[in-house]
C-alpha atoms as a PDB file:
ATOM      1  CA  UNK A   1     -67.394 139.344-171.911  1.00  0.00           C
ATOM      2  CA  UNK A   2     -69.207 136.236-173.074  1.00  0.00           C
ATOM      3  CA  UNK A   3     -69.859 133.135-171.002  1.00  0.00           C
ATOM      4  CA  UNK A   4     -71.573 129.896-171.947  1.00  0.00           C
ATOM      5  CA  UNK A   5     -73.062 127.408-169.540  1.00  0.00           C
ATOM      6  CA  UNK A   6     -74.630 124.112-170.611  1.00  0.00           C
ATOM      7  CA  UNK A   7     -77.335 122.641-168.438  1.00  0.00           C
ATOM      8  CA  UNK A   8     -77.384 118.936-169.444  1.00  0.00           C
ATOM      9  CA  UNK A   9     -80.660 118.202-167.613  1.00  0.00           C
ATOM     10  CA  UNK A  10     -82.690 120.718-169.592  1.00  0.00           C
ATOM     11  CA  UNK A  11     -80.406 120.626-172.638  1.00  0.00           C
ATOM     12  CA  UNK A  12     -80.564 124.388-172.642  1.00  0.00           C
ATOM     13  CA  UNK A  13     -77.692 126.714-173.314  1.00  0.00           C
ATOM     14  CA  UNK A  14     -77.696 129.919-171.307  1.00  0.00           C
ATOM     15  CA  UNK A  15     -75.752 132.709-172.882  1.00  0.00           C
ATOM     16  CA  UNK A  16     -74.601 135.539-170.731  1.00  0.00           C
ATOM     17  CA  UNK A  17     -73.736 138.646-172.661  1.00  0.00           C
ATOM     18  CA  UNK A  18     -71.846 141.346-170.865  1.00  0.00           C
ATOM     19  CA  UNK A  19     -72.456 144.881-171.943  1.00  0.00           C
ATOM     20  CA  UNK A  20     -70.797 147.649-170.024  1.00  0.00           C
ATOM     21  CA  UNK A  21     -70.176 151.346-170.000  1.00  0.00           C
ATOM     22  CA  UNK A  22     -67.919 153.348-167.655  1.00  0.00           C
ATOM     23  CA  UNK A  23     -66.915 150.345-165.598  1.00  0.00           C
ATOM     24  CA  UNK A  24     -70.442 149.054-164.973  1.00  0.00           C
ATOM     25  CA  UNK A  25     -71.937 146.082-166.724  1.00  0.00           C
ATOM     26  CA  UNK A  26     -75.444 144.962-167.310  1.00  0.00           C
ATOM     27  CA  UNK A  27     -75.939 141.313-167.972  1.00  0.00           C
ATOM     28  CA  UNK A  28     -78.757 139.942-170.024  1.00  0.00           C
ATOM     29  CA  UNK A  29     -79.609 136.296-170.066  1.00  0.00           C
ATOM     30  CA  UNK A  30     -81.533 134.563-172.712  1.00  0.00           C
ATOM     31  CA  UNK A  31     -82.198 130.934-173.517  1.00  0.00           C
ATOM     32  CA  UNK A  32     -81.408 129.157-176.696  1.00  0.00           C
ATOM     33  CA  UNK A  33     -82.457 125.538-176.965  1.00  0.00           C
ATOM     34  CA  UNK A  34     -79.796 123.360-178.531  1.00  0.00           C
ATOM     35  CA  UNK A  35     -80.894 120.252-180.442  1.00  0.00           C
ATOM     36  CA  UNK A  36     -79.961 117.042-178.651  1.00  0.00           C
ATOM     37  CA  UNK A  37     -77.742 115.968-181.563  1.00  0.00           C
ATOM     38  CA  UNK A  38     -75.547 119.025-180.993  1.00  0.00           C
ATOM     39  CA  UNK A  39     -75.224 118.557-177.227  1.00  0.00           C
ATOM     40  CA  UNK A  40     -72.157 116.377-177.350  1.00  0.00           C
ATOM     41  CA  UNK A  41     -70.538 114.363-180.085  1.00  0.00           C
ATOM     42  CA  UNK A  42     -71.150 110.640-179.729  1.00  0.00           C
ATOM     43  CA  UNK A  43     -68.313 108.757-178.135  1.00  0.00           C
ATOM     44  CA  UNK A  44     -66.543 105.930-179.881  1.00  0.00           C
ATOM     45  CA  UNK A  45     -68.572 102.738-180.046  1.00  0.00           C
ATOM     46  CA  UNK A  46     -66.762 100.568-177.522  1.00  0.00           C
ATOM     47  CA  UNK A  47     -68.258  97.348-178.882  1.00  0.00           C
ATOM     48  CA  UNK A  48     -67.597  98.033-182.559  1.00  0.00           C
ATOM     49  CA  UNK A  49     -64.144  96.434-182.721  1.00  0.00           C
ATOM     50  CA  UNK A  50     -65.356  93.410-180.772  1.00  0.00           C
ATOM     51  CA  UNK A  51     -68.319  92.936-183.111  1.00  0.00           C
ATOM     52  CA  UNK A  52     -66.067  93.361-186.161  1.00  0.00           C
ATOM     53  CA  UNK A  53     -63.553  90.821-184.836  1.00  0.00           C
ATOM     54  CA  UNK A  54     -66.328  88.314-184.157  1.00  0.00           C
ATOM     55  CA  UNK A  55     -67.734  88.634-187.701  1.00  0.00           C
ATOM     56  CA  UNK A  56     -64.389  88.960-189.515  1.00  0.00           C
ATOM     57  CA  UNK A  57     -64.139  85.246-190.464  1.00  0.00           C
ATOM     58  CA  UNK A  58     -67.583  85.463-192.123  1.00  0.00           C
ATOM     59  CA  UNK A  59     -66.553  88.599-194.018  1.00  0.00           C
ATOM     60  CA  UNK A  60     -63.297  86.981-195.138  1.00  0.00           C
ATOM     61  CA  UNK A  61     -65.102  83.876-196.409  1.00  0.00           C
ATOM     62  CA  UNK A  62     -67.745  85.908-198.272  1.00  0.00           C
ATOM     63  CA  UNK A  63     -65.152  88.257-199.796  1.00  0.00           C
ATOM     64  CA  UNK A  64     -63.104  85.294-201.021  1.00  0.00           C
ATOM     65  CA  UNK A  65     -66.144  83.388-202.313  1.00  0.00           C
ATOM     66  CA  UNK A  66     -67.518  86.316-204.327  1.00  0.00           C
ATOM     67  CA  UNK A  67     -64.240  88.019-205.296  1.00  0.00           C
ATOM     68  CA  UNK A  68     -65.052  91.232-203.434  1.00  0.00           C
ATOM     69  CA  UNK A  69     -62.418  93.384-201.673  1.00  0.00           C
ATOM     70  CA  UNK A  70     -62.644  92.669-197.939  1.00  0.00           C
ATOM     71  CA  UNK A  71     -62.104  96.348-197.100  1.00  0.00           C
ATOM     72  CA  UNK A  72     -65.197  97.273-199.150  1.00  0.00           C
ATOM     73  CA  UNK A  73     -67.393  94.792-197.294  1.00  0.00           C
ATOM     74  CA  UNK A  74     -66.091  95.950-193.924  1.00  0.00           C
ATOM     75  CA  UNK A  75     -66.632  99.596-194.877  1.00  0.00           C
ATOM     76  CA  UNK A  76     -70.215  98.937-195.958  1.00  0.00           C
ATOM     77  CA  UNK A  77     -70.992  96.927-192.815  1.00  0.00           C
ATOM     78  CA  UNK A  78     -69.461  99.610-190.614  1.00  0.00           C
ATOM     79  CA  UNK A  79     -71.544 102.322-192.308  1.00  0.00           C
ATOM     80  CA  UNK A  80     -74.743 100.277-192.539  1.00  0.00           C
ATOM     81  CA  UNK A  81     -74.905  98.822-189.031  1.00  0.00           C
ATOM     82  CA  UNK A  82     -71.631  99.348-187.133  1.00  0.00           C
ATOM     83  CA  UNK A  83     -71.326  95.527-187.400  1.00  0.00           C
ATOM     84  CA  UNK A  84     -74.556  94.973-185.483  1.00  0.00           C
ATOM     85  CA  UNK A  85     -76.719  92.019-186.471  1.00  0.00           C
ATOM     86  CA  UNK A  86     -79.960  93.936-186.102  1.00  0.00           C
ATOM     87  CA  UNK A  87     -82.986  94.980-188.126  1.00  0.00           C
ATOM     88  CA  UNK A  88     -83.520  98.532-189.298  1.00  0.00           C
ATOM     89  CA  UNK A  89     -86.961  99.976-188.696  1.00  0.00           C
ATOM     90  CA  UNK A  90     -86.932 103.028-190.911  1.00  0.00           C
ATOM     91  CA  UNK A  91     -85.565 104.468-194.104  1.00  0.00           C
ATOM     92  CA  UNK A  92     -85.285 103.117-197.600  1.00  0.00           C
ATOM     93  CA  UNK A  93     -84.162  99.713-196.294  1.00  0.00           C
ATOM     94  CA  UNK A  94     -87.669  98.864-195.158  1.00  0.00           C
ATOM     95  CA  UNK A  95     -89.655  96.601-197.402  1.00  0.00           C
ATOM     96  CA  UNK A  96     -92.989  94.883-197.054  1.00  0.00           C
ATOM     97  CA  UNK A  97     -91.429  91.817-195.477  1.00  0.00           C
ATOM     98  CA  UNK A  98     -89.805  93.403-192.448  1.00  0.00           C
ATOM     99  CA  UNK A  99     -86.983  95.840-193.127  1.00  0.00           C
ATOM    100  CA  UNK A 100     -83.265  95.407-193.588  1.00  0.00           C
ATOM    101  CA  UNK A 101     -81.340  92.872-191.527  1.00  0.00           C
ATOM    102  CA  UNK A 102     -77.849  92.052-190.401  1.00  0.00           C
ATOM    103  CA  UNK A 103     -74.450  93.685-190.605  1.00  0.00           C
ATOM    104  CA  UNK A 104     -74.947  94.579-194.287  1.00  0.00           C
ATOM    105  CA  UNK A 105     -78.646  95.474-193.851  1.00  0.00           C
ATOM    106  CA  UNK A 106     -80.020  93.133-196.519  1.00  0.00           C
ATOM    107  CA  UNK A 107     -83.718  93.259-197.379  1.00  0.00           C
ATOM    108  CA  UNK A 108     -85.765  90.238-198.316  1.00  0.00           C
ATOM    109  CA  UNK A 109     -86.495  91.897-201.681  1.00  0.00           C
ATOM    110  CA  UNK A 110     -82.761  92.134-202.447  1.00  0.00           C
ATOM    111  CA  UNK A 111     -82.222  88.578-201.235  1.00  0.00           C
ATOM    112  CA  UNK A 112     -85.004  87.329-203.518  1.00  0.00           C
ATOM    113  CA  UNK A 113     -83.542  89.362-206.387  1.00  0.00           C
ATOM    114  CA  UNK A 114     -80.228  87.600-205.804  1.00  0.00           C
ATOM    115  CA  UNK A 115     -82.048  84.273-206.101  1.00  0.00           C
ATOM    116  CA  UNK A 116     -81.769  83.281-202.452  1.00  0.00           C
ATOM    117  CA  UNK A 117     -84.077  80.424-201.554  1.00  0.00           C
ATOM    118  CA  UNK A 118     -82.710  78.178-198.829  1.00  0.00           C
ATOM    119  CA  UNK A 119     -84.501  75.760-196.477  1.00  0.00           C
ATOM    120  CA  UNK A 120     -87.766  77.631-196.913  1.00  0.00           C
ATOM    121  CA  UNK A 121     -88.738  80.517-199.092  1.00  0.00           C
ATOM    122  CA  UNK A 122     -88.422  84.045-197.784  1.00  0.00           C
ATOM    123  CA  UNK A 123     -92.198  84.372-198.015  1.00  0.00           C
ATOM    124  CA  UNK A 124     -92.645  81.440-195.624  1.00  0.00           C
ATOM    125  CA  UNK A 125     -90.013  82.403-193.084  1.00  0.00           C
ATOM    126  CA  UNK A 126     -89.799  86.109-193.803  1.00  0.00           C
ATOM    127  CA  UNK A 127     -86.658  87.955-192.888  1.00  0.00           C
ATOM    128  CA  UNK A 128     -85.770  85.560-190.060  1.00  0.00           C
ATOM    129  CA  UNK A 129     -83.409  83.927-192.559  1.00  0.00           C
ATOM    130  CA  UNK A 130     -81.586  87.235-192.962  1.00  0.00           C
ATOM    131  CA  UNK A 131     -81.031  87.460-189.202  1.00  0.00           C
ATOM    132  CA  UNK A 132     -78.345  84.782-189.615  1.00  0.00           C
ATOM    133  CA  UNK A 133     -75.177  86.888-190.012  1.00  0.00           C
ATOM    134  CA  UNK A 134     -73.502  84.275-192.221  1.00  0.00           C
ATOM    135  CA  UNK A 135     -76.380  84.362-194.705  1.00  0.00           C
ATOM    136  CA  UNK A 136     -76.700  88.155-194.591  1.00  0.00           C
ATOM    137  CA  UNK A 137     -72.970  88.719-195.108  1.00  0.00           C
ATOM    138  CA  UNK A 138     -72.850  86.184-197.943  1.00  0.00           C
ATOM    139  CA  UNK A 139     -75.827  87.845-199.654  1.00  0.00           C
ATOM    140  CA  UNK A 140     -74.310  91.307-199.121  1.00  0.00           C
ATOM    141  CA  UNK A 141     -71.043  90.157-200.706  1.00  0.00           C
ATOM    142  CA  UNK A 142     -72.975  88.647-203.617  1.00  0.00           C
ATOM    143  CA  UNK A 143     -74.794  91.961-204.093  1.00  0.00           C
ATOM    144  CA  UNK A 144     -71.525  93.936-203.968  1.00  0.00           C
ATOM    145  CA  UNK A 145     -70.056  91.541-206.566  1.00  0.00           C
ATOM    146  CA  UNK A 146     -73.048  92.274-208.805  1.00  0.00           C
ATOM    147  CA  UNK A 147     -72.525  96.015-208.332  1.00  0.00           C
ATOM    148  CA  UNK A 148     -68.804  95.675-209.155  1.00  0.00           C
ATOM    149  CA  UNK A 149     -69.727  93.811-212.332  1.00  0.00           C
ATOM    150  CA  UNK A 150     -72.059  96.686-213.224  1.00  0.00           C
ATOM    151  CA  UNK A 151     -69.894  99.673-212.185  1.00  0.00           C
ATOM    152  CA  UNK A 152     -66.359  98.268-212.236  1.00  0.00           C
ATOM    153  CA  UNK A 153     -63.856  99.011-209.487  1.00  0.00           C
ATOM    154  CA  UNK A 154     -65.402 102.430-208.772  1.00  0.00           C
ATOM    155  CA  UNK A 155     -66.169 102.176-205.046  1.00  0.00           C
ATOM    156  CA  UNK A 156     -68.056 105.485-205.083  1.00  0.00           C
ATOM    157  CA  UNK A 157     -70.558 104.108-207.616  1.00  0.00           C
ATOM    158  CA  UNK A 158     -70.698 100.724-205.879  1.00  0.00           C
ATOM    159  CA  UNK A 159     -71.421 102.388-202.524  1.00  0.00           C
ATOM    160  CA  UNK A 160     -74.033 104.684-204.074  1.00  0.00           C
ATOM    161  CA  UNK A 161     -75.634 101.675-205.753  1.00  0.00           C
ATOM    162  CA  UNK A 162     -75.635  99.739-202.500  1.00  0.00           C
ATOM    163  CA  UNK A 163     -77.385 102.579-200.681  1.00  0.00           C
ATOM    164  CA  UNK A 164     -79.654 104.121-203.312  1.00  0.00           C
ATOM    165  CA  UNK A 165     -79.958 101.275-205.793  1.00  0.00           C
ATOM    166  CA  UNK A 166     -78.076 100.683-209.016  1.00  0.00           C
ATOM    167  CA  UNK A 167     -80.869 102.187-211.111  1.00  0.00           C
ATOM    168  CA  UNK A 168     -80.531 105.527-209.321  1.00  0.00           C
ATOM    169  CA  UNK A 169     -76.803 105.546-210.082  1.00  0.00           C
ATOM    170  CA  UNK A 170     -77.304 104.753-213.762  1.00  0.00           C
ATOM    171  CA  UNK A 171     -80.006 107.422-214.110  1.00  0.00           C
ATOM    172  CA  UNK A 172     -77.866 109.961-212.261  1.00  0.00           C
ATOM    173  CA  UNK A 173     -80.554 110.355-209.590  1.00  0.00           C
ATOM    174  CA  UNK A 174     -78.573 109.511-206.472  1.00  0.00           C
ATOM    175  CA  UNK A 175     -80.058 111.324-203.449  1.00  0.00           C
ATOM    176  CA  UNK A 176     -77.997 114.143-201.957  1.00  0.00           C
ATOM    177  CA  UNK A 177     -77.708 112.325-198.614  1.00  0.00           C
ATOM    178  CA  UNK A 178     -76.087 109.367-200.387  1.00  0.00           C
ATOM    179  CA  UNK A 179     -73.708 111.562-202.403  1.00  0.00           C
ATOM    180  CA  UNK A 180     -72.752 113.913-199.577  1.00  0.00           C
ATOM    181  CA  UNK A 181     -72.687 111.648-196.530  1.00  0.00           C
ATOM    182  CA  UNK A 182     -72.944 107.946-197.286  1.00  0.00           C
ATOM    183  CA  UNK A 183     -70.430 107.609-200.140  1.00  0.00           C
ATOM    184  CA  UNK A 184     -67.654 109.743-198.559  1.00  0.00           C
ATOM    185  CA  UNK A 185     -68.096 107.804-195.322  1.00  0.00           C
ATOM    186  CA  UNK A 186     -67.758 104.436-197.083  1.00  0.00           C
ATOM    187  CA  UNK A 187     -64.697 105.634-199.020  1.00  0.00           C
ATOM    188  CA  UNK A 188     -63.001 106.769-195.794  1.00  0.00           C
ATOM    189  CA  UNK A 189     -63.875 103.517-194.041  1.00  0.00           C
ATOM    190  CA  UNK A 190     -62.546 101.454-196.963  1.00  0.00           C
ATOM    191  CA  UNK A 191     -59.219 103.278-196.608  1.00  0.00           C
ATOM    192  CA  UNK A 192     -59.289 102.563-192.894  1.00  0.00           C
ATOM    193  CA  UNK A 193     -59.874  98.834-193.463  1.00  0.00           C
ATOM    194  CA  UNK A 194     -57.469  98.475-196.391  1.00  0.00           C
ATOM    195  CA  UNK A 195     -54.830  96.849-194.171  1.00  0.00           C
ATOM    196  CA  UNK A 196     -57.202  94.205-192.763  1.00  0.00           C
ATOM    197  CA  UNK A 197     -56.552  90.788-194.276  1.00  0.00           C
END
């Protein structure tokens, strides 16, 4: 007989193993700590659809302006930020000027590479410019258009280039996390958003 009991306060799983002979049983308890990530799967993000609906006109305009499939932009934004207009604080998206911003997690380095200089230079105002979702989404769409020009209509390569950089894709040095988690996630999300117009 095997019983499992989860104690959510201590995040400890107690396993009770039943061993018996001739109708008698001796029970042994031992503890096994379970990582917090395995405690319970995260629930659906209740605000995701609301955030997406609020930003959808900006995504539509940027997709039309730059000739990028809307479903691709939505998939990238979903994977990058779950449509949150926030700044990342860790990972490859960080740069010397303050990290990655907005629904498409644009960095000031990428924005400068795309030639973005509006109102004041990025050096003067830093990434505050990228906190404007309209600017961030437009720049993200411009970057995706550049990746499409480089890799064609291959969403797997475009997504890998968006996450790991186009140079890594061309050199065949895409990190395993990008190949195994990021790209399949973006492909699945693009299928999910294919009907959005």
